[in-house]
Structure formats: structure tokens, C-alpha cells
Protein backbone atom coordinates (compact mmCIF):
# COMPACT_ATOMS: atom_id res chain seq x y z
CA MET A 1 -7.56 0.08 7.78
CA HIS A 2 -7.71 2.71 5.20
CA ALA A 3 -5.53 2.30 1.85
CA LEU A 4 -4.71 5.04 -0.72
CA GLN A 5 -6.14 3.39 -4.09
CA LEU A 6 -6.03 3.78 -7.93
CA THR A 7 -9.34 4.04 -9.42
CA LYS A 8 -8.07 5.67 -12.91
CA PHE A 9 -5.04 6.96 -14.49
CA GLY A 10 -4.77 10.39 -14.81
CA ASN A 11 -4.50 13.28 -12.30
CA PRO A 12 -4.21 12.51 -8.81
CA GLY A 13 -6.96 14.47 -7.64
CA ASP A 14 -8.88 12.36 -9.83
CA SER A 15 -7.56 9.04 -9.67
CA VAL A 16 -7.08 8.25 -5.78
CA SER A 17 -9.53 7.89 -3.48
CA LEU A 18 -9.22 6.62 0.44
CA ALA A 19 -11.17 3.25 0.70
CA SER A 20 -11.79 1.42 3.68
CA ARG A 21 -10.52 -2.10 4.36
CA GLN A 22 -10.63 -4.99 6.46
CA THR A 23 -7.89 -5.69 8.92
CA PRO A 24 -5.84 -8.65 7.47
CA GLU A 25 -5.17 -11.90 9.38
CA PRO A 26 -1.27 -12.59 8.22
CA ASP A 27 -0.73 -16.31 7.01
CA PRO A 28 2.25 -18.24 8.88
CA GLY A 29 5.63 -16.58 8.41
CA GLN A 30 4.14 -13.02 7.92
CA LEU A 31 3.82 -9.98 9.73
CA LEU A 32 0.84 -7.45 10.50
CA ILE A 33 2.19 -3.66 10.71
CA ASP A 34 0.42 -0.99 11.78
CA VAL A 35 1.57 1.73 9.30
CA HIS A 36 1.93 5.11 10.62
CA ALA A 37 3.67 7.53 7.58
CA SER A 38 4.07 6.19 3.96
CA PRO A 39 5.51 8.79 1.36
CA ILE A 40 4.47 9.45 -2.20
CA HIS A 41 7.39 9.16 -4.05
CA PRO A 42 7.57 10.45 -7.59
CA SER A 43 7.45 7.24 -9.28
CA ASP A 44 4.00 7.09 -7.57
CA ILE A 45 2.78 10.24 -9.38
CA HIS A 46 4.06 8.69 -12.77
CA LEU A 47 2.00 5.43 -12.15
CA ILE A 48 -0.78 7.51 -11.13
CA ARG A 49 -0.38 9.37 -14.61
CA GLY A 50 -0.22 6.23 -16.24
CA PHE A 51 3.72 7.45 -17.27
CA TYR A 52 4.99 4.38 -15.33
CA GLY A 53 6.94 1.14 -17.30
CA LEU A 54 4.11 -0.86 -16.24
CA ARG A 55 0.45 -0.29 -16.19
CA PRO A 56 -1.35 -2.58 -13.36
CA GLN A 57 -5.00 -3.91 -13.23
CA LEU A 58 -7.28 -1.24 -11.26
CA PRO A 59 -8.45 -0.58 -9.08
CA MET A 60 -4.99 -1.12 -6.81
CA ASP A 61 -3.91 -0.08 -3.49
CA LEU A 62 -1.06 2.15 -3.24
CA GLY A 63 1.62 2.16 -1.31
CA ALA A 64 5.31 0.61 -1.17
CA ASP A 65 7.08 2.17 1.30
CA GLY A 66 6.49 2.75 4.84
CA VAL A 67 7.39 3.62 8.90
CA GLY A 68 4.86 1.21 11.18
CA THR A 69 4.76 -1.18 14.33
CA VAL A 70 4.88 -4.80 14.18
CA VAL A 71 1.23 -5.74 15.55
CA ARG A 72 1.58 -9.50 16.17
CA PRO A 73 5.83 -10.14 17.08
CA ASP A 74 4.15 -12.96 18.32
CA GLN A 75 4.34 -13.70 14.47
CA LEU A 76 7.89 -12.81 14.72
CA GLN A 77 10.38 -15.83 13.78
CA ILE A 78 14.19 -14.77 13.77
CA GLY A 79 16.83 -16.70 12.51
CA GLY A 80 16.50 -20.33 10.77
């Protein structure tokens, strides 16, 4: 698994790198999703440059939106 990682605030070309990650094991009630695409929004650029309303602890993985496929449908419970 890979993730874009913000290592410092500033120019996106100097601040973001591709990092390898272990595939997480979902906890009960969670799903594992194979992300096919994740857009970069203007708010992401503001965060990377340090202009957003908050400055999270670094390093941090980027991305809040995405499109993907549920990998472990056995974890899915619909309804109560």
C-alpha cells in the first residue's frame, strides 16, 4: 500500500512524498477499501503550503476523499 505523505509545510513538490505502508487490518465494524483514485483539492494545497486553518503534526498521510472497492465485504453489516 502507498500513501502521499506530507513531511513539511511549503511547496508541494518539496513537501510531499510517496511512502509505503503496511496494509491495515480492519477492526470490527470497519471496512478495508482498495482506493483506485483520490483527488487533490484546493484545500489539500492550502494544507500542504501551511495556509489552512490548522497545522497537523507531521509527518501525516494526505487524502480525505477517494473512490475504491470494498476488499473485505464480509465485514460489511447493513442495518442495526
